[in-house]
Amino acid sequence: MSRLKDRIARLIEAAGPITVGEYMATCLFDPELGYYTTREPFGVDGDFTTAPEISQMFGELIAVWLYQAWQALGRPMPVTLAEIGPGRGTLMKDMLRALARLDPAFIGDATIAMIETSPRLAKIQKASLSDARVPIAWHDAISALPRAPLLIVGNELFDALPVRQFVRLGEGWRERVVGLDEEGGLGFFAGAGSVDTALLPVDADSAPQGSVVEIAPARSALMQAIAGRLAADGGAGLFIDYGHLEPGVGDTLQAIRAHAFEDVLASPGEADLTAHVDFAALAAAARAQGLAAQTTSQGDFLLRMGLLERAGNLGARADEAAREKISAAVERLAGPQAMGELFKVLAILPKDVDAPGFQVN
């Protein structure tokens, strides 16, 4: 048994079952033994690979989107270019390189910021970006950013924020909790209290017995904070994650370790825990702040932003092996059987500004 698993078991034994959200938060963010406190999760040698690690093209096209959004906003300056949840810093590194080629004056005048709560990951990001030719500031919250128009991007950010789960029993729904089974191991159970069905998806009433639904107040709260800053100071945001465009019924909580799925309760603190993102809820949180919110699939977004053209340009200067690698990256990023349909993109901007890479409604 891992140290964190033993600690969680002792906590439950002493104080009773904990919610799925509490379990997820403890596994990921415990200050001493949490996954993001102790692990190097990214890349081939980690537990999962994110889009920026697959190809430089991803970060380059994100940079183009942010630059085009800045132009559509009227080219405000000063402006802050920020990434929230920056992983190893790969996305920002690719964006800065692309923006320096696109408009050196823009990248020279903008304030570059990284929003990171993990000191360990911030140290890795600083090493990755040590050769950046512009100053970069690190902050631990949106509220710490300078007050100026903001261009902000978050890739695979919201999936790691805790979700609450509810299970249908009888005529009602009860919150799902983590408790101890008869052998003293961790198990899922239904909590004692019922839940207001107004919080659940519209099709919850017709769900069969044992169905699970998820809501994520922490995700909505973070989006409200981001959107509130954009509404107050101006700017645009782009957020990419795996999930669904409409809320629905289903258990999406999963654990990933060494690029393979494992039991969610098996290794607290040693595996990444995520759940699919409800993009409708995020869009609603942004609209509640007076902003426009548009969603699409990652594949459609990247293709509209010029993925094939960029791949062709890179391939024209490459040998056969490199061209095959570029082609494989395109398929992985945008293919419907890979990340292209599973991953979604959300853009939030002022209501009178069109979002580059999105169909006009």
Protein backbone atom coordinates (compact mmCIF):
# COMPACT_ATOMS: atom_id res chain seq x y z
CA MET A 1 0.00 0.00 0.00
CA SER A 2 1.32 3.44 -0.93
CA ARG A 3 1.88 5.97 1.85
CA LEU A 4 -0.94 8.16 0.58
CA LYS A 5 -3.31 5.22 0.26
CA ASP A 6 -2.56 4.26 3.84
CA ARG A 7 -3.12 7.86 4.97
CA ILE A 8 -6.47 8.03 3.15
CA ALA A 9 -7.57 4.71 4.65
CA ARG A 10 -6.71 5.90 8.15
CA LEU A 11 -8.55 9.18 7.56
CA ILE A 12 -11.68 7.32 6.43
CA GLU A 13 -11.44 4.92 9.36
CA ALA A 14 -11.32 7.86 11.76
CA ALA A 15 -13.74 10.33 10.17
CA GLY A 16 -15.85 8.37 7.69
CA PRO A 17 -16.06 8.21 3.90
CA ILE A 18 -14.86 11.12 1.74
CA THR A 19 -16.43 12.39 -1.46
CA VAL A 20 -14.97 11.52 -4.86
CA GLY A 21 -13.96 15.15 -5.21
CA GLU A 22 -12.06 15.07 -1.92
CA TYR A 23 -10.38 11.82 -2.92
CA MET A 24 -9.35 13.22 -6.30
CA ALA A 25 -7.99 16.46 -4.79
CA THR A 26 -5.98 14.54 -2.19
CA CYS A 27 -4.50 12.16 -4.75
CA LEU A 28 -3.42 14.95 -7.07
CA PHE A 29 -2.54 17.86 -4.81
CA ASP A 30 -1.59 16.58 -1.35
CA PRO A 31 1.32 18.87 -0.36
CA GLU A 32 3.59 15.98 0.58
CA LEU A 33 2.47 12.92 -1.38
CA GLY A 34 0.18 14.19 -4.15
CA TYR A 35 0.71 13.21 -7.78
CA TYR A 36 1.54 16.70 -9.03
CA THR A 37 3.68 17.32 -5.95
CA THR A 38 5.95 14.32 -6.46
CA ARG A 39 5.75 13.13 -10.08
CA GLU A 40 7.07 14.03 -13.52
CA PRO A 41 3.89 13.12 -15.42
CA PHE A 42 4.58 14.37 -18.94
CA GLY A 43 6.11 12.75 -22.01
CA VAL A 44 7.30 9.31 -23.01
CA ASP A 45 9.02 8.69 -19.67
CA GLY A 46 6.01 9.94 -17.70
CA ASP A 47 2.42 8.81 -17.55
CA PHE A 48 0.82 10.68 -20.46
CA THR A 49 1.74 12.80 -23.46
CA THR A 50 0.06 16.14 -24.11
CA ALA A 51 -0.39 17.80 -27.51
CA PRO A 52 2.59 20.18 -27.16
CA GLU A 53 4.83 17.15 -26.55
CA ILE A 54 3.58 15.51 -29.74
CA SER A 55 4.57 18.30 -32.13
CA GLN A 56 5.72 21.91 -32.20
CA MET A 57 2.87 22.57 -34.64
CA PHE A 58 0.34 22.58 -31.82
CA GLY A 59 2.00 25.42 -29.93
CA GLU A 60 2.68 27.34 -33.12
CA LEU A 61 -0.98 27.30 -34.14
CA ILE A 62 -2.08 28.28 -30.63
CA ALA A 63 0.31 31.24 -30.89
CA VAL A 64 -1.23 32.25 -34.22
CA TRP A 65 -4.70 32.11 -32.65
CA LEU A 66 -3.67 34.31 -29.73
CA TYR A 67 -2.04 36.81 -32.08
CA GLN A 68 -5.09 36.95 -34.33
CA ALA A 69 -7.34 37.35 -31.29
CA TRP A 70 -5.13 40.24 -30.13
CA GLN A 71 -5.51 41.88 -33.54
CA ALA A 72 -9.30 41.39 -33.44
CA LEU A 73 -9.36 43.03 -30.00
CA GLY A 74 -7.77 46.17 -31.48
CA ARG A 75 -4.11 45.36 -30.72
CA PRO A 76 -4.20 46.55 -27.07
CA MET A 77 -0.87 47.28 -25.43
CA PRO A 78 0.23 46.71 -22.72
CA VAL A 79 -1.06 43.14 -22.86
CA THR A 80 -0.32 40.03 -20.80
CA LEU A 81 0.24 36.69 -22.53
CA ALA A 82 -0.32 33.93 -19.98
CA GLU A 83 -0.50 30.16 -19.78
CA ILE A 84 -2.31 28.51 -16.89
CA GLY A 85 -1.29 24.98 -15.90
CA PRO A 86 1.82 25.09 -18.11
CA GLY A 87 3.09 21.53 -17.66
CA ARG A 88 6.79 21.42 -18.55
CA GLY A 89 6.71 24.75 -20.38
CA THR A 90 6.75 23.16 -23.83
CA LEU A 91 3.66 24.98 -25.10
CA MET A 92 4.91 28.39 -24.01
CA LYS A 93 8.33 27.71 -25.51
CA ASP A 94 6.79 26.90 -28.90
CA MET A 95 4.43 29.88 -28.69
CA LEU A 96 7.22 32.34 -27.92
CA ARG A 97 9.32 31.06 -30.80
CA ALA A 98 6.39 31.37 -33.22
CA LEU A 99 5.39 34.83 -31.99
CA ALA A 100 8.96 36.08 -32.24
CA ARG A 101 8.92 35.18 -35.93
CA LEU A 102 5.42 36.50 -36.45
CA ASP A 103 5.82 39.90 -34.76
CA PRO A 104 9.01 40.61 -32.78
CA ALA A 105 7.57 43.92 -31.55
CA PHE A 106 4.55 42.20 -30.04
CA ILE A 107 6.58 39.63 -28.15
CA GLY A 108 9.01 42.32 -27.00
CA ASP A 109 6.29 44.55 -25.55
CA ALA A 110 3.94 41.93 -24.08
CA THR A 111 4.21 40.74 -20.49
CA ILE A 112 4.73 36.97 -20.41
CA ALA A 113 3.27 35.10 -17.44
CA MET A 114 3.00 31.51 -16.23
CA ILE A 115 0.31 30.55 -13.71
CA GLU A 116 1.52 27.52 -11.76
CA THR A 117 0.66 26.34 -8.25
CA SER A 118 3.31 23.58 -8.05
CA PRO A 119 6.81 24.77 -7.05
CA ARG A 120 8.28 21.58 -8.51
CA LEU A 121 6.64 22.11 -11.92
CA ALA A 122 7.55 25.83 -11.87
CA LYS A 123 11.20 24.82 -11.46
CA ILE A 124 10.93 22.50 -14.48
CA GLN A 125 9.27 25.25 -16.54
CA LYS A 126 12.00 27.75 -15.65
CA ALA A 127 14.65 25.31 -16.83
CA SER A 128 12.76 24.65 -20.08
CA LEU A 129 12.39 28.37 -20.76
CA SER A 130 15.84 29.42 -19.57
CA ASP A 131 16.87 30.43 -23.09
CA ALA A 132 13.78 32.58 -23.72
CA ARG A 133 14.77 36.02 -24.96
CA VAL A 134 12.00 37.77 -23.05
CA PRO A 135 11.40 38.04 -19.30
CA ILE A 136 8.83 35.60 -17.88
CA ALA A 137 7.06 35.96 -14.56
CA TRP A 138 5.54 33.12 -12.51
CA HIS A 139 2.33 33.53 -10.50
CA ASP A 140 0.27 31.13 -8.42
CA ALA A 141 -3.18 32.55 -9.27
CA ILE A 142 -5.12 34.55 -11.83
CA SER A 143 -5.52 37.32 -9.26
CA ALA A 144 -1.74 37.86 -9.19
CA LEU A 145 -1.53 38.86 -12.87
CA PRO A 146 -0.96 42.52 -13.74
CA ARG A 147 -4.13 44.47 -14.53
CA ALA A 148 -4.06 44.69 -18.33
CA PRO A 149 -5.79 43.05 -21.29
CA LEU A 150 -5.11 39.33 -21.08
CA LEU A 151 -4.45 36.62 -23.66
CA ILE A 152 -4.61 33.32 -21.79
CA VAL A 153 -4.35 29.68 -22.83
CA GLY A 154 -4.84 26.48 -20.84
CA ASN A 155 -4.15 23.02 -22.26
CA GLU A 156 -5.34 19.95 -20.32
CA LEU A 157 -6.03 22.12 -17.31
CA PHE A 158 -9.64 21.49 -16.32
CA ASP A 159 -9.57 17.68 -16.54
CA ALA A 160 -7.35 17.53 -13.44
CA LEU A 161 -9.66 19.61 -11.26
CA PRO A 162 -11.83 17.52 -8.92
CA VAL A 163 -15.33 16.38 -9.84
CA ARG A 164 -18.22 15.33 -7.65
CA GLN A 165 -20.07 12.16 -8.62
CA PHE A 166 -23.67 11.17 -7.94
CA VAL A 167 -25.22 7.73 -8.35
CA ARG A 168 -28.89 6.94 -8.99
CA LEU A 169 -30.51 4.78 -6.35
CA GLY A 170 -34.27 4.33 -6.22
CA GLU A 171 -36.06 7.51 -7.20
CA GLY A 172 -33.22 9.83 -6.26
CA TRP A 173 -29.50 10.52 -6.51
CA ARG A 174 -26.90 10.22 -3.78
CA GLU A 175 -23.35 11.50 -3.74
CA ARG A 176 -20.72 8.86 -4.45
CA VAL A 177 -18.07 8.50 -1.77
CA VAL A 178 -14.87 6.57 -1.13
CA GLY A 179 -14.98 4.38 1.97
CA LEU A 180 -13.53 1.15 3.33
CA ASP A 181 -14.81 -2.28 2.33
CA GLU A 182 -15.01 -5.30 4.63
CA GLU A 183 -11.33 -6.09 4.06
CA GLY A 184 -10.24 -2.54 4.84
CA GLY A 185 -9.57 -1.63 1.22
CA LEU A 186 -10.82 1.45 -0.60
CA GLY A 187 -14.16 1.16 -2.37
CA PHE A 188 -16.95 3.26 -3.87
CA PHE A 189 -20.21 3.64 -1.95
CA ALA A 190 -23.34 5.78 -2.04
CA GLY A 191 -23.43 8.52 0.57
CA ALA A 192 -26.32 9.11 2.92
CA GLY A 193 -27.58 12.44 1.62
CA SER A 194 -29.67 13.03 -1.52
CA VAL A 195 -28.96 15.75 -4.07
CA ASP A 196 -31.07 18.42 -5.72
CA THR A 197 -31.74 17.13 -9.23
CA ALA A 198 -31.60 20.72 -10.53
CA LEU A 199 -27.81 20.34 -10.33
CA LEU A 200 -27.82 17.34 -12.67
CA PRO A 201 -28.06 17.02 -16.48
CA VAL A 202 -31.52 17.30 -18.01
CA ASP A 203 -31.57 13.61 -18.95
CA ALA A 204 -30.75 12.45 -15.40
CA ASP A 205 -34.43 11.67 -14.66
CA SER A 206 -34.45 8.95 -17.31
CA ALA A 207 -31.11 7.40 -16.34
CA PRO A 208 -31.19 3.74 -15.24
CA GLN A 209 -30.40 2.56 -11.71
CA GLY A 210 -26.72 2.72 -10.83
CA SER A 211 -25.97 5.49 -13.35
CA VAL A 212 -23.34 8.06 -12.42
CA VAL A 213 -23.30 11.77 -13.22
CA GLU A 214 -20.52 14.26 -12.59
CA ILE A 215 -20.50 17.95 -11.77
CA ALA A 216 -17.39 20.06 -11.22
CA PRO A 217 -17.88 23.21 -9.13
CA ALA A 218 -14.10 23.75 -8.97
CA ARG A 219 -13.89 23.94 -12.76
CA SER A 220 -16.75 26.39 -13.03
CA ALA A 221 -15.23 28.53 -10.27
CA LEU A 222 -11.89 28.71 -12.06
CA MET A 223 -13.56 29.60 -15.35
CA GLN A 224 -15.57 32.30 -13.58
CA ALA A 225 -12.34 33.78 -12.22
CA ILE A 226 -10.69 33.74 -15.65
CA ALA A 227 -13.75 35.13 -17.42
CA GLY A 228 -14.21 37.76 -14.74
CA ARG A 229 -10.69 39.03 -15.37
CA LEU A 230 -11.27 39.09 -19.14
CA ALA A 231 -14.58 40.89 -18.71
CA ALA A 232 -12.97 43.51 -16.48
CA ASP A 233 -9.70 44.10 -18.33
CA GLY A 234 -10.37 42.84 -21.86
CA GLY A 235 -8.73 39.99 -23.70
CA ALA A 236 -9.36 36.46 -24.91
CA GLY A 237 -8.93 32.90 -23.66
CA LEU A 238 -8.43 29.53 -25.33
CA PHE A 239 -8.82 26.23 -23.48
CA ILE A 240 -8.20 22.73 -24.82
CA ASP A 241 -9.09 19.51 -23.04
CA TYR A 242 -10.76 16.17 -23.55
CA GLY A 243 -14.44 16.06 -22.82
CA HIS A 244 -17.92 16.59 -24.21
CA LEU A 245 -19.76 19.58 -25.64
CA GLU A 246 -23.05 18.72 -23.89
CA PRO A 247 -23.62 17.46 -20.33
CA GLY A 248 -24.70 13.86 -19.91
CA VAL A 249 -24.77 10.75 -17.77
CA GLY A 250 -21.67 8.60 -17.30
CA ASP A 251 -18.68 7.85 -15.09
CA THR A 252 -15.56 9.30 -16.75
CA LEU A 253 -13.18 9.27 -13.77
CA GLN A 254 -10.00 7.46 -14.78
CA ALA A 255 -6.47 6.79 -13.60
CA ILE A 256 -3.49 6.76 -15.98
CA ARG A 257 -0.05 5.43 -15.12
CA ALA A 258 2.81 4.75 -17.53
CA HIS A 259 0.49 5.47 -20.50
CA ALA A 260 -2.01 2.80 -19.42
CA PHE A 261 -5.28 2.86 -17.50
CA GLU A 262 -5.48 1.42 -14.01
CA ASP A 263 -8.03 1.17 -11.20
CA VAL A 264 -8.88 4.62 -9.85
CA LEU A 265 -8.47 3.43 -6.24
CA ALA A 266 -5.31 1.38 -6.77
CA SER A 267 -2.45 3.84 -6.35
CA PRO A 268 -3.38 7.19 -4.79
CA GLY A 269 -0.68 9.76 -5.53
CA GLU A 270 1.08 7.49 -8.02
CA ALA A 271 -1.30 7.75 -11.00
CA ASP A 272 -2.89 10.70 -12.74
CA LEU A 273 -6.60 11.07 -12.03
CA THR A 274 -8.77 12.90 -14.55
CA ALA A 275 -12.39 13.17 -15.67
CA HIS A 276 -13.89 14.40 -18.92
CA VAL A 277 -14.58 18.11 -19.07
CA ASP A 278 -18.13 19.40 -19.47
CA PHE A 279 -17.52 22.20 -21.96
CA ALA A 280 -21.13 23.34 -21.77
CA ALA A 281 -20.64 24.13 -18.09
CA LEU A 282 -17.42 26.04 -18.79
CA ALA A 283 -19.07 28.01 -21.58
CA ALA A 284 -22.00 28.85 -19.29
CA ALA A 285 -19.59 30.14 -16.62
CA ALA A 286 -17.92 32.40 -19.19
CA ARG A 287 -21.25 33.67 -20.57
CA ALA A 288 -22.37 34.48 -17.04
CA GLN A 289 -19.54 37.04 -16.99
CA GLY A 290 -20.87 38.70 -20.13
CA LEU A 291 -18.49 37.06 -22.61
CA ALA A 292 -19.09 35.08 -25.79
CA ALA A 293 -18.08 31.41 -25.69
CA GLN A 294 -17.56 29.14 -28.69
CA THR A 295 -16.65 25.46 -28.80
CA THR A 296 -15.41 23.05 -31.44
CA SER A 297 -13.36 19.87 -31.72
CA GLN A 298 -9.58 20.01 -31.59
CA GLY A 299 -9.35 18.48 -35.04
CA ASP A 300 -11.58 21.08 -36.67
CA PHE A 301 -9.84 23.89 -34.82
CA LEU A 302 -6.32 22.87 -35.83
CA LEU A 303 -7.30 22.27 -39.44
CA ARG A 304 -8.95 25.70 -39.66
CA MET A 305 -5.86 27.28 -38.13
CA GLY A 306 -3.64 25.77 -40.84
CA LEU A 307 -2.32 22.47 -39.48
CA LEU A 308 -1.99 20.85 -42.90
CA GLU A 309 -0.25 23.88 -44.38
CA ARG A 310 2.20 24.05 -41.48
CA ALA A 311 2.88 20.32 -41.75
CA GLY A 312 3.55 20.76 -45.47
CA ASN A 313 6.01 23.57 -44.83
CA LEU A 314 7.88 21.53 -42.23
CA GLY A 315 7.86 18.45 -44.45
CA ALA A 316 9.27 20.32 -47.44
CA ARG A 317 12.52 20.85 -45.54
CA ALA A 318 12.67 17.38 -43.98
CA ASP A 319 13.87 13.91 -44.93
CA GLU A 320 11.51 10.96 -45.37
CA ALA A 321 11.72 9.82 -41.75
CA ALA A 322 10.92 13.32 -40.48
CA ARG A 323 8.00 13.65 -42.92
CA GLU A 324 6.53 10.40 -41.63
CA LYS A 325 6.84 11.71 -38.09
CA ILE A 326 5.11 14.96 -39.07
CA SER A 327 2.32 13.03 -40.78
CA ALA A 328 1.85 10.84 -37.71
CA ALA A 329 1.68 13.95 -35.52
CA VAL A 330 -1.03 15.47 -37.73
CA GLU A 331 -3.09 12.30 -37.46
CA ARG A 332 -2.63 12.09 -33.73
CA LEU A 333 -3.51 15.74 -33.11
CA ALA A 334 -6.43 16.05 -35.53
CA GLY A 335 -7.53 12.56 -36.56
CA PRO A 336 -11.09 11.61 -35.52
CA GLN A 337 -9.86 8.31 -34.07
CA ALA A 338 -7.13 10.05 -32.06
CA MET A 339 -7.27 13.43 -30.28
CA GLY A 340 -9.22 15.23 -33.00
CA GLU A 341 -12.71 14.38 -31.75
CA LEU A 342 -12.05 13.45 -28.12
CA PHE A 343 -10.44 16.82 -27.39
CA LYS A 344 -12.47 20.01 -27.54
CA VAL A 345 -11.56 23.69 -27.73
CA LEU A 346 -13.29 26.58 -25.99
CA ALA A 347 -12.70 30.22 -26.95
CA ILE A 348 -13.95 33.08 -24.79
CA LEU A 349 -13.90 36.67 -26.02
CA PRO A 350 -15.98 39.86 -25.85
CA LYS A 351 -19.34 39.43 -27.57
CA ASP A 352 -18.44 41.72 -30.48
CA VAL A 353 -15.22 39.87 -31.40
CA ASP A 354 -15.15 36.81 -33.70
CA ALA A 355 -12.99 33.89 -32.57
CA PRO A 356 -10.35 32.82 -35.12
CA GLY A 357 -10.62 29.14 -36.06
CA PHE A 358 -14.29 28.84 -35.16
CA GLN A 359 -17.34 28.80 -37.37
CA VAL A 360 -19.38 31.97 -37.12
CA ASN A 361 -22.75 31.13 -35.56
